[in-house]
Amino acid sequence: MPVVFARIRVGDFDRWKTAFDSHEPYRREQGITLKAIYRDASYWNGILVILEAEDVEKAQTYYSSDEQRQRMSQSGLERPAELWIGSDVLG
């Protein structure tokens, strides 16, 4: 199953998390499921979000949509998210 790694920097973690949580129903509709959220040990507002996607193309479409970009910018990101989508090669 494809995995999405999103590395972001937020101005206010609580604001971002509230916005992120509110979008879960839409993510699930798109076949994207949250697996983990990590905070950077040296920069507390640095976040790594790990999600599973049903399909690489569907995930790419979701993250490149204007609607998703608008959601991310409204959630208080300090800069655009760094996204990496990959597939498990170990099986």
C-alpha atoms as a PDB file:
ATOM      1  CA  MET A   1       0.000   0.000   0.000  1.00  0.00           C
ATOM      2  CA  PRO A   2       1.390   3.451  -0.894  1.00  0.00           C
ATOM      3  CA  VAL A   3       2.516   5.706   1.943  1.00  0.00           C
ATOM      4  CA  VAL A   4       2.455   9.496   2.045  1.00  0.00           C
ATOM      5  CA  PHE A   5       5.035  11.369   4.113  1.00  0.00           C
ATOM      6  CA  ALA A   6       4.199  15.035   4.638  1.00  0.00           C
ATOM      7  CA  ARG A   7       6.824  17.186   6.325  1.00  0.00           C
ATOM      8  CA  ILE A   8       5.449  20.515   7.454  1.00  0.00           C
ATOM      9  CA  ARG A   9       6.223  23.504   9.655  1.00  0.00           C
ATOM     10  CA  VAL A  10       3.362  25.169  11.466  1.00  0.00           C
ATOM     11  CA  GLY A  11       3.043  28.472  13.268  1.00  0.00           C
ATOM     12  CA  ASP A  12       0.671  27.039  15.871  1.00  0.00           C
ATOM     13  CA  PHE A  13       0.434  23.284  16.380  1.00  0.00           C
ATOM     14  CA  ASP A  14      -3.006  23.361  18.013  1.00  0.00           C
ATOM     15  CA  ARG A  15      -4.475  25.440  15.182  1.00  0.00           C
ATOM     16  CA  TRP A  16      -2.990  23.113  12.577  1.00  0.00           C
ATOM     17  CA  LYS A  17      -4.118  19.948  14.402  1.00  0.00           C
ATOM     18  CA  THR A  18      -7.693  21.217  14.711  1.00  0.00           C
ATOM     19  CA  ALA A  19      -7.808  21.965  10.976  1.00  0.00           C
ATOM     20  CA  PHE A  20      -6.117  18.654  10.114  1.00  0.00           C
ATOM     21  CA  ASP A  21      -8.569  16.649  12.229  1.00  0.00           C
ATOM     22  CA  SER A  22     -11.558  18.411  10.677  1.00  0.00           C
ATOM     23  CA  HIS A  23     -10.511  17.146   7.223  1.00  0.00           C
ATOM     24  CA  GLU A  24     -10.361  13.462   8.174  1.00  0.00           C
ATOM     25  CA  PRO A  25     -13.742  12.535   6.652  1.00  0.00           C
ATOM     26  CA  TYR A  26     -12.656  13.994   3.304  1.00  0.00           C
ATOM     27  CA  ARG A  27      -9.280  12.210   3.444  1.00  0.00           C
ATOM     28  CA  ARG A  28     -11.031   8.903   4.101  1.00  0.00           C
ATOM     29  CA  GLU A  29     -13.340   9.506   1.118  1.00  0.00           C
ATOM     30  CA  GLN A  30     -10.191   9.871  -0.972  1.00  0.00           C
ATOM     31  CA  GLY A  31      -8.752   6.599   0.342  1.00  0.00           C
ATOM     32  CA  ILE A  32      -6.165   8.245   2.604  1.00  0.00           C
ATOM     33  CA  THR A  33      -5.776   7.054   6.199  1.00  0.00           C
ATOM     34  CA  LEU A  34      -3.709   8.623   8.977  1.00  0.00           C
ATOM     35  CA  LYS A  35      -1.038   6.336  10.430  1.00  0.00           C
ATOM     36  CA  ALA A  36       1.092   8.633  12.616  1.00  0.00           C
ATOM     37  CA  ILE A  37       2.016  12.214  13.469  1.00  0.00           C
ATOM     38  CA  TYR A  38       5.474  13.049  14.825  1.00  0.00           C
ATOM     39  CA  ARG A  39       6.828  16.332  16.183  1.00  0.00           C
ATOM     40  CA  ASP A  40      10.441  17.306  15.534  1.00  0.00           C
ATOM     41  CA  ALA A  41      12.559  16.956  18.679  1.00  0.00           C
ATOM     42  CA  SER A  42      14.574  20.122  17.931  1.00  0.00           C
ATOM     43  CA  TYR A  43      11.815  22.295  16.414  1.00  0.00           C
ATOM     44  CA  TRP A  44       8.510  21.601  18.152  1.00  0.00           C
ATOM     45  CA  ASN A  45       6.435  23.056  15.294  1.00  0.00           C
ATOM     46  CA  GLY A  46       8.082  20.769  12.747  1.00  0.00           C
ATOM     47  CA  ILE A  47       5.682  17.940  11.977  1.00  0.00           C
ATOM     48  CA  LEU A  48       5.914  14.673  10.037  1.00  0.00           C
ATOM     49  CA  VAL A  49       2.577  13.163   9.050  1.00  0.00           C
ATOM     50  CA  ILE A  50       2.457   9.589   7.763  1.00  0.00           C
ATOM     51  CA  LEU A  51      -0.606   8.389   5.884  1.00  0.00           C
ATOM     52  CA  GLU A  52      -1.543   5.341   3.828  1.00  0.00           C
ATOM     53  CA  ALA A  53      -3.177   5.746   0.449  1.00  0.00           C
ATOM     54  CA  GLU A  54      -5.236   3.231  -1.496  1.00  0.00           C
ATOM     55  CA  ASP A  55      -3.676   4.373  -4.765  1.00  0.00           C
ATOM     56  CA  VAL A  56      -0.638   6.485  -5.734  1.00  0.00           C
ATOM     57  CA  GLU A  57      -2.429   8.373  -8.510  1.00  0.00           C
ATOM     58  CA  LYS A  58      -5.411   9.152  -6.294  1.00  0.00           C
ATOM     59  CA  ALA A  59      -3.081  10.462  -3.557  1.00  0.00           C
ATOM     60  CA  GLN A  60      -1.183  12.619  -6.063  1.00  0.00           C
ATOM     61  CA  THR A  61      -4.464  14.046  -7.351  1.00  0.00           C
ATOM     62  CA  TYR A  62      -5.669  14.751  -3.818  1.00  0.00           C
ATOM     63  CA  TYR A  63      -2.493  16.566  -2.748  1.00  0.00           C
ATOM     64  CA  SER A  64      -2.148  18.564  -5.963  1.00  0.00           C
ATOM     65  CA  SER A  65      -5.750  19.818  -5.918  1.00  0.00           C
ATOM     66  CA  ASP A  66      -6.396  23.522  -5.393  1.00  0.00           C
ATOM     67  CA  GLU A  67      -8.851  22.621  -2.640  1.00  0.00           C
ATOM     68  CA  GLN A  68      -6.213  20.718  -0.661  1.00  0.00           C
ATOM     69  CA  ARG A  69      -3.606  23.437  -1.157  1.00  0.00           C
ATOM     70  CA  GLN A  70      -6.108  25.968   0.174  1.00  0.00           C
ATOM     71  CA  ARG A  71      -6.849  23.752   3.200  1.00  0.00           C
ATOM     72  CA  MET A  72      -3.149  23.452   3.975  1.00  0.00           C
ATOM     73  CA  SER A  73      -2.527  27.186   3.706  1.00  0.00           C
ATOM     74  CA  GLN A  74      -5.527  27.972   5.944  1.00  0.00           C
ATOM     75  CA  SER A  75      -4.249  25.584   8.618  1.00  0.00           C
ATOM     76  CA  GLY A  76      -1.308  27.846   9.442  1.00  0.00           C
ATOM     77  CA  LEU A  77       1.617  26.275   7.611  1.00  0.00           C
ATOM     78  CA  GLU A  78       4.783  28.382   7.673  1.00  0.00           C
ATOM     79  CA  ARG A  79       5.661  27.160   4.169  1.00  0.00           C
ATOM     80  CA  PRO A  80       4.276  24.640   1.673  1.00  0.00           C
ATOM     81  CA  ALA A  81       4.345  20.996   2.773  1.00  0.00           C
ATOM     82  CA  GLU A  82       7.106  18.721   1.505  1.00  0.00           C
ATOM     83  CA  LEU A  83       5.346  15.602   0.219  1.00  0.00           C
ATOM     84  CA  TRP A  84       6.794  12.226  -0.646  1.00  0.00           C
ATOM     85  CA  ILE A  85       4.638   9.343  -1.846  1.00  0.00           C
ATOM     86  CA  GLY A  86       6.180   5.898  -2.014  1.00  0.00           C
ATOM     87  CA  SER A  87       5.356   2.219  -2.211  1.00  0.00           C
ATOM     88  CA  ASP A  88       6.599  -0.554   0.059  1.00  0.00           C
ATOM     89  CA  VAL A  89       9.243  -2.611  -1.722  1.00  0.00           C
ATOM     90  CA  LEU A  90       9.574  -5.265   0.987  1.00  0.00           C
ATOM     91  CA  GLY A  91       6.192  -6.729   0.420  1.00  0.00           C
END
